[in-house]
Amino acid sequence: MSAHLAMTQLVPFAAGELDKNKVTPGVLGFVVFAVLALAVWGLMKSMNRHMHKIDFTETPDPATAGPATPATGPADK
């Protein structure tokens, strides 16, 4: 009950200092922003790890490639 009594006595003190023209996000806003920043950093790190696992070389599909022709290099003019 004493915590409730202390809060009721501090509310008028806080209301007297409140400037209605200047509102800031405060500590809670900073904490939320920091958590979001850490989450994005973690996701980017995970995405980077997954992208390094990908092999970008493609093998030709034998069903659609047609007859095999030997590679001759650049076209002759």
N, C-alpha and C. Protein backbone atom coordinates (compact mmCIF):
# COMPACT_ATOMS: atom_id res chain seq x y z
N MET A 1 0.82 -1.19 0.00
CA MET A 1 0.00 0.00 0.00
C MET A 1 0.86 1.26 0.00
N SER A 2 2.08 1.17 0.53
CA SER A 2 2.93 2.36 0.61
C SER A 2 3.41 2.78 -0.79
N ALA A 3 3.61 1.81 -1.71
CA ALA A 3 4.01 2.16 -3.07
C ALA A 3 2.90 2.93 -3.76
N HIS A 4 1.66 2.53 -3.52
CA HIS A 4 0.52 3.24 -4.11
C HIS A 4 0.46 4.66 -3.57
N LEU A 5 0.70 4.83 -2.30
CA LEU A 5 0.68 6.14 -1.68
C LEU A 5 1.81 7.02 -2.23
N ALA A 6 2.98 6.45 -2.43
CA ALA A 6 4.10 7.21 -2.98
C ALA A 6 3.80 7.65 -4.40
N MET A 7 3.18 6.78 -5.20
CA MET A 7 2.85 7.14 -6.58
C MET A 7 1.83 8.27 -6.63
N THR A 8 0.85 8.24 -5.74
CA THR A 8 -0.17 9.30 -5.76
C THR A 8 0.44 10.64 -5.33
N GLN A 9 1.52 10.61 -4.55
CA GLN A 9 2.14 11.86 -4.14
C GLN A 9 3.11 12.38 -5.20
N LEU A 10 3.64 11.51 -6.05
CA LEU A 10 4.56 11.93 -7.09
C LEU A 10 3.85 12.38 -8.37
N VAL A 11 2.62 11.98 -8.58
CA VAL A 11 1.90 12.33 -9.80
C VAL A 11 1.72 13.85 -9.93
N PRO A 12 1.28 14.58 -8.89
CA PRO A 12 1.15 16.03 -9.05
C PRO A 12 2.49 16.71 -9.31
N PHE A 13 3.58 16.17 -8.74
CA PHE A 13 4.90 16.73 -8.97
C PHE A 13 5.31 16.56 -10.44
N ALA A 14 5.04 15.40 -11.02
CA ALA A 14 5.37 15.15 -12.42
C ALA A 14 4.48 15.96 -13.34
N ALA A 15 3.24 16.14 -12.98
CA ALA A 15 2.32 16.90 -13.83
C ALA A 15 2.71 18.37 -13.87
N GLY A 16 3.32 18.89 -12.80
CA GLY A 16 3.74 20.29 -12.79
C GLY A 16 4.91 20.53 -13.72
N GLU A 17 5.78 19.54 -13.93
CA GLU A 17 6.94 19.69 -14.80
C GLU A 17 6.65 19.39 -16.26
N LEU A 18 5.51 18.82 -16.57
CA LEU A 18 5.20 18.41 -17.94
C LEU A 18 4.98 19.62 -18.83
N ASP A 19 5.76 19.72 -19.88
CA ASP A 19 5.58 20.78 -20.87
C ASP A 19 4.80 20.18 -22.03
N LYS A 20 3.59 20.66 -22.24
CA LYS A 20 2.72 20.07 -23.26
C LYS A 20 3.21 20.35 -24.68
N ASN A 21 4.12 21.30 -24.87
CA ASN A 21 4.64 21.61 -26.20
C ASN A 21 5.89 20.79 -26.54
N LYS A 22 6.45 20.11 -25.54
CA LYS A 22 7.66 19.31 -25.77
C LYS A 22 7.43 17.91 -25.23
N VAL A 23 7.25 16.98 -26.14
CA VAL A 23 7.02 15.59 -25.76
C VAL A 23 8.15 14.76 -26.36
N THR A 24 8.80 13.94 -25.54
CA THR A 24 9.90 13.10 -26.00
C THR A 24 9.55 11.64 -25.77
N PRO A 25 10.16 10.72 -26.51
CA PRO A 25 9.83 9.31 -26.35
C PRO A 25 10.32 8.73 -25.02
N GLY A 26 11.37 9.27 -24.46
CA GLY A 26 11.85 8.80 -23.17
C GLY A 26 12.63 7.50 -23.24
N VAL A 27 12.77 6.89 -22.10
CA VAL A 27 13.58 5.67 -21.98
C VAL A 27 12.91 4.50 -22.70
N LEU A 28 11.60 4.39 -22.60
CA LEU A 28 10.89 3.29 -23.26
C LEU A 28 11.08 3.36 -24.78
N GLY A 29 11.02 4.54 -25.34
CA GLY A 29 11.24 4.69 -26.78
C GLY A 29 12.64 4.28 -27.18
N PHE A 30 13.62 4.63 -26.36
CA PHE A 30 15.00 4.23 -26.64
C PHE A 30 15.17 2.73 -26.56
N VAL A 31 14.57 2.11 -25.55
CA VAL A 31 14.68 0.66 -25.39
C VAL A 31 14.05 -0.06 -26.58
N VAL A 32 12.88 0.39 -27.01
CA VAL A 32 12.22 -0.24 -28.16
C VAL A 32 13.08 -0.07 -29.40
N PHE A 33 13.63 1.13 -29.61
CA PHE A 33 14.48 1.37 -30.78
C PHE A 33 15.73 0.50 -30.73
N ALA A 34 16.35 0.36 -29.56
CA ALA A 34 17.55 -0.46 -29.42
C ALA A 34 17.25 -1.93 -29.70
N VAL A 35 16.10 -2.43 -29.22
CA VAL A 35 15.73 -3.82 -29.47
C VAL A 35 15.49 -4.05 -30.96
N LEU A 36 14.82 -3.11 -31.61
CA LEU A 36 14.59 -3.24 -33.06
C LEU A 36 15.92 -3.21 -33.82
N ALA A 37 16.83 -2.34 -33.41
CA ALA A 37 18.13 -2.26 -34.08
C ALA A 37 18.90 -3.57 -33.91
N LEU A 38 18.88 -4.14 -32.73
CA LEU A 38 19.57 -5.43 -32.51
C LEU A 38 18.92 -6.54 -33.32
N ALA A 39 17.61 -6.53 -33.44
CA ALA A 39 16.91 -7.55 -34.23
C ALA A 39 17.29 -7.44 -35.71
N VAL A 40 17.33 -6.23 -36.24
CA VAL A 40 17.70 -6.04 -37.65
C VAL A 40 19.15 -6.47 -37.87
N TRP A 41 20.03 -6.13 -36.93
CA TRP A 41 21.44 -6.54 -37.05
C TRP A 41 21.55 -8.07 -37.07
N GLY A 42 20.81 -8.73 -36.20
CA GLY A 42 20.83 -10.19 -36.17
C GLY A 42 20.29 -10.81 -37.44
N LEU A 43 19.22 -10.24 -37.97
CA LEU A 43 18.66 -10.75 -39.22
C LEU A 43 19.62 -10.55 -40.39
N MET A 44 20.29 -9.41 -40.44
CA MET A 44 21.24 -9.16 -41.52
C MET A 44 22.43 -10.12 -41.42
N LYS A 45 22.88 -10.40 -40.21
CA LYS A 45 23.99 -11.34 -40.01
C LYS A 45 23.57 -12.75 -40.45
N SER A 46 22.36 -13.15 -40.12
CA SER A 46 21.86 -14.46 -40.51
C SER A 46 21.70 -14.55 -42.03
N MET A 47 21.18 -13.48 -42.63
CA MET A 47 21.01 -13.48 -44.08
C MET A 47 22.36 -13.58 -44.78
N ASN A 48 23.35 -12.88 -44.25
CA ASN A 48 24.69 -12.93 -44.84
C ASN A 48 25.25 -14.34 -44.77
N ARG A 49 25.05 -15.03 -43.65
CA ARG A 49 25.52 -16.41 -43.52
C ARG A 49 24.83 -17.32 -44.54
N HIS A 50 23.51 -17.14 -44.70
CA HIS A 50 22.77 -17.99 -45.64
C HIS A 50 23.16 -17.69 -47.09
N MET A 51 23.44 -16.44 -47.40
CA MET A 51 23.82 -16.09 -48.77
C MET A 51 25.18 -16.67 -49.13
N HIS A 52 26.08 -16.81 -48.15
CA HIS A 52 27.39 -17.39 -48.45
C HIS A 52 27.30 -18.89 -48.69
N LYS A 53 26.24 -19.54 -48.27
CA LYS A 53 26.06 -20.98 -48.50
C LYS A 53 25.56 -21.29 -49.90
N ILE A 54 25.04 -20.30 -50.60
CA ILE A 54 24.43 -20.53 -51.92
C ILE A 54 25.50 -20.68 -52.98
N ASP A 55 25.35 -21.69 -53.85
CA ASP A 55 26.24 -21.90 -54.98
C ASP A 55 25.53 -21.37 -56.22
N PHE A 56 26.11 -20.36 -56.87
CA PHE A 56 25.44 -19.71 -57.98
C PHE A 56 25.75 -20.32 -59.34
N THR A 57 26.56 -21.36 -59.41
CA THR A 57 26.85 -21.97 -60.70
C THR A 57 25.70 -22.90 -61.08
N GLU A 58 25.26 -22.76 -62.32
CA GLU A 58 24.15 -23.58 -62.81
C GLU A 58 24.68 -24.64 -63.75
N THR A 59 24.10 -25.81 -63.67
CA THR A 59 24.41 -26.87 -64.63
C THR A 59 23.27 -26.90 -65.65
N PRO A 60 23.60 -27.08 -66.92
CA PRO A 60 22.55 -27.10 -67.94
C PRO A 60 21.63 -28.32 -67.77
N ASP A 61 20.37 -28.10 -68.06
CA ASP A 61 19.39 -29.17 -67.97
C ASP A 61 19.53 -30.05 -69.21
N PRO A 62 19.84 -31.35 -69.08
CA PRO A 62 20.06 -32.19 -70.26
C PRO A 62 18.79 -32.40 -71.08
N ALA A 63 17.62 -32.27 -70.49
CA ALA A 63 16.38 -32.50 -71.23
C ALA A 63 16.11 -31.37 -72.21
N THR A 64 16.50 -30.16 -71.91
CA THR A 64 16.21 -29.02 -72.79
C THR A 64 17.45 -28.52 -73.52
N ALA A 65 18.62 -29.10 -73.28
CA ALA A 65 19.85 -28.61 -73.89
C ALA A 65 19.99 -29.02 -75.36
N GLY A 66 19.40 -30.12 -75.76
CA GLY A 66 19.52 -30.58 -77.14
C GLY A 66 20.82 -31.35 -77.33
N PRO A 67 21.26 -31.49 -78.60
CA PRO A 67 22.50 -32.25 -78.84
C PRO A 67 23.71 -31.49 -78.30
N ALA A 68 24.65 -32.24 -77.80
CA ALA A 68 25.85 -31.63 -77.22
C ALA A 68 26.76 -31.13 -78.33
N THR A 69 27.21 -29.90 -78.20
CA THR A 69 28.16 -29.34 -79.17
C THR A 69 29.42 -28.97 -78.42
N PRO A 70 30.58 -29.22 -79.01
CA PRO A 70 31.82 -28.87 -78.30
C PRO A 70 32.00 -27.36 -78.23
N ALA A 71 32.55 -26.90 -77.15
CA ALA A 71 32.79 -25.46 -76.98
C ALA A 71 33.99 -25.08 -77.82
N THR A 72 33.85 -24.07 -78.68
CA THR A 72 34.92 -23.68 -79.58
C THR A 72 35.54 -22.34 -79.21
N GLY A 73 35.08 -21.69 -78.21
CA GLY A 73 35.64 -20.40 -77.84
C GLY A 73 34.89 -19.28 -78.54
N PRO A 74 35.54 -18.16 -78.77
CA PRO A 74 34.87 -17.03 -79.43
C PRO A 74 34.51 -17.37 -80.88
N ALA A 75 33.43 -16.75 -81.34
CA ALA A 75 32.95 -17.02 -82.71
C ALA A 75 33.97 -16.50 -83.73
N ASP A 76 34.17 -17.29 -84.81
CA ASP A 76 35.07 -16.88 -85.87
C ASP A 76 34.39 -15.87 -86.76
N LYS A 77 35.18 -14.89 -87.27
CA LYS A 77 34.58 -13.86 -88.12
C LYS A 77 34.82 -14.12 -89.56
